[in-house]
Amino acid sequence: MTDLKPKIFIGSSKAGYSIAEKVKDNLVNIGDCFLWQDPNVWEPNRSTFENLLRMVSYFDFGVFVATADDLTLTNDKIVIEPRDNVILEMALFLGAMGRDKSFLLVEDGIKLPTDFSGIYMPRFDKGNDTIIKNACDEYANKIAEHYKLGHLSLYPTTALAIGYYKNFVAGLVESAQEAETLEFDGVKYSDFKLKVVIPKDLHGMIREKAAQFYKRHGLVENAMKTKFRNHPVWFQLVPKQAPTAMLFDMPSTLTGIDDAIELILQKGFHGRTKMQEVIEQRELNNFRRVLQMQIDKSPFAQATVEIIDEF
């Protein structure tokens, strides 16, 4: 599975669109960037607010450009403020995604709502491309760092990956270090490796996908005894590879993520949309990244476990 780049939504006012284009140019190397005027960003027959709620489910990060657009009278003083819809969109992403995934670039000299007081946000000068690039670089580093660490989103793949490792993989790894020799057709196996198989997609019951995978590759079911219970696992026993035996597991804990995606997208019809497919792949990537992080914490797991794609 090719690791997907994070999807980044870039919002601005019409007057600030040229700056948003420069932001896209500076972030395109770390993510798939979409400007608010790009085709297919807004779904027809939905209100602006509905579309924004949908975008929160689709994008990994939001970057908004606050430019000097409006003159307003505040406390008997004329001040320069950004367009209110930019602040609303930023606030919506911030509330739904959190401060690690929502960012605001601010033009020098404009007044922000007092709720943003005390929060550092890079300032820029419209006429200075270097300052704009430096501001984007600050956020690019944060985006790259946060995306590598796995994300908590509306979909629970981060928690599922951690639970899968702690409740299944860790016990199996420990058992593999202490397992008794397995003899099959006169061949002895004493070294056990685990391959975690990531399904191609999340459509349907993962348990059924797993059963088809095990059958397709001629795997045999057995049980590996652990301290607390026997773990049913599927073996690939190849005499030429003895004493190494390969164990395979496709995480059935992923079952239901596609239903969660449909509920959050509020789909009123059967069938798979392009957005749903992209979100599913993003969540599979996230599950894989978080699981790898758990594996990397244990020398035993590093030596025993490999994450592979369904084949």
Protein backbone atom coordinates (compact mmCIF):
# COMPACT_ATOMS: atom_id res chain seq x y z
CA MET A 1 0.00 0.00 0.00
CA THR A 2 1.44 3.35 -1.01
CA ASP A 3 1.35 5.73 1.93
CA LEU A 4 -1.05 8.52 1.02
CA LYS A 5 -0.06 12.13 1.43
CA PRO A 6 -2.21 14.14 3.84
CA LYS A 7 -5.04 16.07 2.21
CA ILE A 8 -4.86 19.79 2.95
CA PHE A 9 -7.73 22.24 2.46
CA ILE A 10 -6.65 25.86 1.87
CA GLY A 11 -9.25 28.55 2.51
CA SER A 12 -9.22 32.29 1.97
CA SER A 13 -11.39 35.18 0.88
CA LYS A 14 -11.62 36.10 -2.81
CA ALA A 15 -9.27 39.01 -2.17
CA GLY A 16 -6.77 36.68 -0.51
CA TYR A 17 -6.93 33.95 -3.15
CA SER A 18 -3.56 34.87 -4.70
CA ILE A 19 -1.93 34.33 -1.29
CA ALA A 20 -3.76 31.00 -0.94
CA GLU A 21 -2.26 29.95 -4.28
CA LYS A 22 1.23 30.76 -2.93
CA VAL A 23 0.43 28.73 0.20
CA LYS A 24 -0.49 25.78 -2.02
CA ASP A 25 2.78 26.12 -3.94
CA ASN A 26 4.69 25.99 -0.66
CA LEU A 27 2.81 23.00 0.81
CA VAL A 28 2.35 20.84 -2.26
CA ASN A 29 5.49 18.79 -1.52
CA ILE A 30 4.12 17.48 1.77
CA GLY A 31 0.44 16.98 0.91
CA ASP A 32 -2.32 16.94 -1.67
CA CYS A 33 -3.50 20.56 -1.51
CA PHE A 34 -6.97 21.75 -2.51
CA LEU A 35 -7.90 25.42 -2.84
CA TRP A 36 -11.46 26.37 -2.06
CA GLN A 37 -12.06 27.31 -5.70
CA ASP A 38 -10.73 24.02 -7.08
CA PRO A 39 -13.17 21.78 -9.00
CA ASN A 40 -15.10 19.13 -7.05
CA VAL A 41 -14.32 20.65 -3.65
CA TRP A 42 -17.91 21.81 -3.17
CA GLU A 43 -20.66 19.22 -3.57
CA PRO A 44 -23.69 20.44 -5.57
CA ASN A 45 -27.11 20.86 -3.93
CA ARG A 46 -25.63 21.34 -0.46
CA SER A 47 -25.32 24.51 1.56
CA THR A 48 -21.94 26.05 2.26
CA PHE A 49 -22.16 24.97 5.89
CA GLU A 50 -23.04 21.37 4.92
CA ASN A 51 -20.09 21.30 2.54
CA LEU A 52 -17.75 22.55 5.25
CA LEU A 53 -18.93 19.81 7.62
CA ARG A 54 -18.31 17.27 4.87
CA MET A 55 -14.81 18.65 4.28
CA VAL A 56 -13.88 18.09 7.91
CA SER A 57 -14.51 14.36 7.31
CA TYR A 58 -12.46 14.36 4.11
CA PHE A 59 -9.41 16.51 4.74
CA ASP A 60 -6.57 15.81 7.16
CA PHE A 61 -5.57 19.44 7.69
CA GLY A 62 -6.93 22.91 7.08
CA VAL A 63 -4.83 26.02 6.35
CA PHE A 64 -6.60 29.38 6.19
CA VAL A 65 -5.33 32.76 4.99
CA ALA A 66 -6.54 35.84 6.85
CA THR A 67 -6.00 38.94 4.73
CA ALA A 68 -6.87 42.61 5.21
CA ASP A 69 -10.34 42.64 3.65
CA ASP A 70 -12.81 44.69 5.71
CA LEU A 71 -12.81 48.01 7.53
CA THR A 72 -14.97 47.86 10.64
CA LEU A 73 -15.78 50.21 13.49
CA THR A 74 -14.83 48.71 16.86
CA ASN A 75 -14.93 50.75 20.08
CA ASP A 76 -15.04 53.96 18.03
CA LYS A 77 -11.95 52.93 16.10
CA ILE A 78 -11.60 51.89 12.47
CA VAL A 79 -9.80 48.53 12.29
CA ILE A 80 -8.88 46.18 9.46
CA GLU A 81 -10.27 42.66 9.77
CA PRO A 82 -10.26 39.47 7.69
CA ARG A 83 -13.44 38.32 5.96
CA ASP A 84 -15.73 36.76 8.57
CA ASN A 85 -16.29 33.56 6.58
CA VAL A 86 -12.54 32.78 6.74
CA ILE A 87 -12.63 33.00 10.54
CA LEU A 88 -15.80 30.88 10.65
CA GLU A 89 -14.24 28.18 8.48
CA MET A 90 -11.04 28.21 10.53
CA ALA A 91 -13.06 27.92 13.74
CA LEU A 92 -15.08 25.02 12.33
CA PHE A 93 -11.95 23.07 11.37
CA LEU A 94 -10.31 23.98 14.67
CA GLY A 95 -13.28 22.71 16.66
CA ALA A 96 -13.59 19.48 14.69
CA MET A 97 -9.91 18.66 14.10
CA GLY A 98 -8.02 20.37 16.93
CA ARG A 99 -5.16 22.84 17.01
CA ASP A 100 -2.63 20.38 15.58
CA LYS A 101 -4.54 20.13 12.31
CA SER A 102 -5.94 23.64 11.72
CA PHE A 103 -3.71 26.61 10.95
CA LEU A 104 -4.14 30.33 10.25
CA LEU A 105 -1.72 32.59 8.36
CA VAL A 106 -2.35 36.23 9.23
CA GLU A 107 -1.52 39.34 7.23
CA ASP A 108 0.31 42.04 9.14
CA GLY A 109 -1.83 44.81 10.57
CA ILE A 110 -5.21 43.06 10.81
CA LYS A 111 -7.27 42.53 13.93
CA LEU A 112 -8.34 39.01 14.88
CA PRO A 113 -11.19 38.05 17.23
CA THR A 114 -10.12 38.27 20.88
CA ASP A 115 -10.55 34.48 21.24
CA PHE A 116 -7.31 34.15 19.24
CA SER A 117 -5.40 36.39 21.67
CA GLY A 118 -2.21 34.82 23.01
CA ILE A 119 -2.03 32.20 20.23
CA TYR A 120 1.06 32.49 18.05
CA MET A 121 0.25 32.57 14.35
CA PRO A 122 2.75 33.42 11.61
CA ARG A 123 2.27 36.89 10.12
CA PHE A 124 3.08 37.76 6.54
CA ASP A 125 3.42 40.70 4.20
CA LYS A 126 1.56 40.33 0.89
CA GLY A 127 4.51 41.68 -1.02
CA ASN A 128 7.16 39.47 0.58
CA ASP A 129 7.16 35.91 -0.82
CA THR A 130 10.04 34.89 1.46
CA ILE A 131 8.03 35.67 4.60
CA ILE A 132 5.03 33.77 3.16
CA LYS A 133 7.29 30.78 2.45
CA ASN A 134 8.77 30.90 5.96
CA ALA A 135 5.28 30.95 7.48
CA CYS A 136 4.27 27.98 5.33
CA ASP A 137 7.44 26.11 6.31
CA GLU A 138 6.50 26.40 9.98
CA TYR A 139 3.16 24.75 9.33
CA ALA A 140 4.62 22.23 6.87
CA ASN A 141 6.89 20.91 9.60
CA LYS A 142 3.98 20.61 12.02
CA ILE A 143 1.82 18.85 9.41
CA ALA A 144 4.56 16.37 8.48
CA GLU A 145 5.35 15.61 12.13
CA HIS A 146 1.73 15.17 13.18
CA TYR A 147 0.79 13.05 10.17
CA LYS A 148 3.65 10.60 10.81
CA LEU A 149 2.49 10.11 14.39
CA GLY A 150 -0.98 8.94 13.35
CA HIS A 151 -4.11 10.94 13.95
CA LEU A 152 -7.20 10.81 16.05
CA SER A 153 -10.13 11.54 13.78
CA LEU A 154 -13.85 11.00 13.57
CA TYR A 155 -12.97 7.40 12.65
CA PRO A 156 -11.38 5.21 15.35
CA THR A 157 -8.46 3.62 13.48
CA THR A 158 -5.84 5.06 15.85
CA ALA A 159 -7.51 3.48 18.88
CA LEU A 160 -8.18 0.27 16.93
CA ALA A 161 -4.51 -0.08 15.96
CA ILE A 162 -3.34 0.40 19.55
CA GLY A 163 -5.96 -2.03 20.87
CA TYR A 164 -5.13 -4.61 18.19
CA TYR A 165 -1.46 -4.48 19.11
CA LYS A 166 -1.94 -4.61 22.88
CA ASN A 167 -4.74 -7.19 22.88
CA PHE A 168 -3.48 -9.53 20.17
CA VAL A 169 -0.09 -8.84 18.58
CA ALA A 170 1.87 -8.24 21.81
CA GLY A 171 0.64 -11.51 23.32
CA LEU A 172 1.38 -13.40 20.14
CA VAL A 173 4.89 -11.95 19.95
CA GLU A 174 5.59 -12.97 23.54
CA SER A 175 4.25 -16.44 22.83
CA ALA A 176 6.40 -16.76 19.71
CA GLN A 177 9.51 -16.22 21.83
CA GLU A 178 8.53 -19.04 24.21
CA ALA A 179 6.54 -21.36 21.94
CA GLU A 180 7.18 -25.07 21.89
CA THR A 181 8.45 -26.63 18.68
CA LEU A 182 5.65 -27.33 16.23
CA GLU A 183 5.90 -30.55 14.22
CA PHE A 184 3.87 -30.93 11.02
CA ASP A 185 4.25 -33.78 8.51
CA GLY A 186 7.53 -34.72 10.17
CA VAL A 187 9.02 -31.22 9.84
CA LYS A 188 9.82 -29.22 12.97
CA TYR A 189 9.24 -25.47 13.28
CA SER A 190 10.68 -23.51 16.18
CA ASP A 191 10.96 -19.94 14.84
CA PHE A 192 7.69 -18.04 14.37
CA LYS A 193 7.19 -14.85 12.37
CA LEU A 194 3.93 -12.92 12.09
CA LYS A 195 2.71 -11.11 9.00
CA VAL A 196 -0.16 -8.68 9.61
CA VAL A 197 -2.15 -8.42 6.39
CA ILE A 198 -3.75 -5.05 5.63
CA PRO A 199 -6.88 -5.54 3.47
CA LYS A 200 -7.14 -3.78 0.11
CA ASP A 201 -10.29 -1.96 1.22
CA LEU A 202 -12.72 -1.76 4.12
CA HIS A 203 -15.85 -2.81 2.26
CA GLY A 204 -17.73 -5.66 3.93
CA MET A 205 -16.83 -7.98 6.79
CA ILE A 206 -13.06 -8.18 7.29
CA ARG A 207 -13.47 -11.59 8.92
CA GLU A 208 -14.93 -12.90 5.65
CA LYS A 209 -12.13 -11.27 3.65
CA ALA A 210 -9.64 -12.92 6.00
CA ALA A 211 -11.23 -16.35 5.60
CA GLN A 212 -11.01 -16.03 1.81
CA PHE A 213 -7.37 -14.91 2.08
CA TYR A 214 -6.39 -17.87 4.30
CA LYS A 215 -8.15 -20.32 2.00
CA ARG A 216 -6.72 -18.76 -1.16
CA HIS A 217 -3.16 -19.21 0.10
CA GLY A 218 -3.61 -22.66 1.61
CA LEU A 219 -2.94 -21.61 5.20
CA VAL A 220 -3.66 -24.02 8.03
CA GLU A 221 -5.29 -23.05 11.34
CA ASN A 222 -3.63 -23.95 14.61
CA ALA A 223 -3.40 -22.52 18.10
CA MET A 224 -0.43 -20.99 19.82
CA LYS A 225 -0.52 -21.29 23.58
CA THR A 226 0.00 -18.10 25.57
CA LYS A 227 0.06 -17.42 29.31
CA PHE A 228 -3.62 -16.55 29.35
CA ARG A 229 -5.27 -18.38 26.47
CA ASN A 230 -4.72 -20.13 23.19
CA HIS A 231 -4.53 -17.79 20.22
CA PRO A 232 -6.04 -19.26 17.04
CA VAL A 233 -3.67 -18.34 14.22
CA TRP A 234 -3.15 -19.27 10.61
CA PHE A 235 0.17 -20.82 9.58
CA GLN A 236 2.03 -21.11 6.32
CA LEU A 237 4.30 -24.12 6.79
CA VAL A 238 6.87 -24.52 4.02
CA PRO A 239 9.38 -27.33 4.69
CA LYS A 240 12.12 -25.52 2.78
CA GLN A 241 11.75 -22.56 5.17
CA ALA A 242 11.97 -24.70 8.33
CA PRO A 243 12.54 -24.07 11.16
CA THR A 244 10.74 -20.79 10.41
CA ALA A 245 6.93 -20.86 10.31
CA MET A 246 4.95 -17.89 9.00
CA LEU A 247 1.82 -16.78 10.87
CA PHE A 248 -0.76 -14.57 9.16
CA ASP A 249 -3.50 -12.38 10.57
CA MET A 250 -5.86 -9.92 8.89
CA PRO A 251 -7.19 -7.54 11.60
CA SER A 252 -10.93 -8.21 11.85
CA THR A 253 -11.12 -5.27 14.25
CA LEU A 254 -11.34 -3.06 11.14
CA THR A 255 -14.84 -4.36 10.41
CA GLY A 256 -17.41 -1.58 10.57
CA ILE A 257 -15.16 1.35 9.67
CA ASP A 258 -16.87 1.59 6.27
CA ASP A 259 -20.25 1.79 8.04
CA ALA A 260 -18.92 4.56 10.29
CA ILE A 261 -17.73 6.49 7.25
CA GLU A 262 -21.14 6.19 5.60
CA LEU A 263 -22.88 7.42 8.75
CA ILE A 264 -20.59 10.43 9.13
CA LEU A 265 -20.92 11.31 5.44
CA GLN A 266 -24.71 11.03 5.87
CA LYS A 267 -25.10 9.02 2.70
CA GLY A 268 -28.66 8.47 1.62
CA PHE A 269 -27.96 5.92 -1.09
CA HIS A 270 -26.17 2.62 -1.67
CA GLY A 271 -22.83 2.56 -3.43
CA ARG A 272 -19.37 3.93 -2.84
CA THR A 273 -18.41 7.51 -3.54
CA LYS A 274 -14.92 8.66 -4.45
CA MET A 275 -14.74 10.54 -1.17
CA GLN A 276 -15.61 7.40 0.78
CA GLU A 277 -12.91 5.41 -1.00
CA VAL A 278 -10.30 8.10 -0.27
CA ILE A 279 -11.28 8.26 3.41
CA GLU A 280 -11.09 4.46 3.67
CA GLN A 281 -7.58 4.42 2.22
CA ARG A 282 -6.57 7.24 4.54
CA GLU A 283 -7.84 5.29 7.55
CA LEU A 284 -6.12 2.08 6.44
CA ASN A 285 -2.88 4.07 6.12
CA ASN A 286 -3.41 5.52 9.57
CA PHE A 287 -4.06 2.07 11.09
CA ARG A 288 -0.87 0.83 9.49
CA ARG A 289 1.25 3.76 10.66
CA VAL A 290 0.00 3.58 14.26
CA LEU A 291 0.47 -0.21 14.37
CA GLN A 292 4.03 0.18 13.07
CA MET A 293 4.70 2.73 15.82
CA GLN A 294 3.60 0.15 18.41
CA ILE A 295 5.77 -2.53 16.82
CA ASP A 296 8.80 -0.23 16.79
CA LYS A 297 8.59 0.16 20.57
CA SER A 298 9.42 -3.53 21.14
CA PRO A 299 12.65 -5.23 19.94
CA PHE A 300 10.83 -8.59 20.05
CA ALA A 301 8.02 -7.23 17.87
CA GLN A 302 10.47 -5.64 15.44
CA ALA A 303 12.15 -9.00 14.95
CA THR A 304 8.89 -10.95 14.69
CA VAL A 305 6.20 -8.82 13.00
CA GLU A 306 5.93 -7.47 9.47
CA ILE A 307 3.00 -5.51 8.06
CA ILE A 308 2.14 -6.45 4.49
CA ASP A 309 -0.60 -5.69 1.96
CA GLU A 310 -3.27 -8.19 0.99
CA PHE A 311 -2.05 -10.24 -1.97
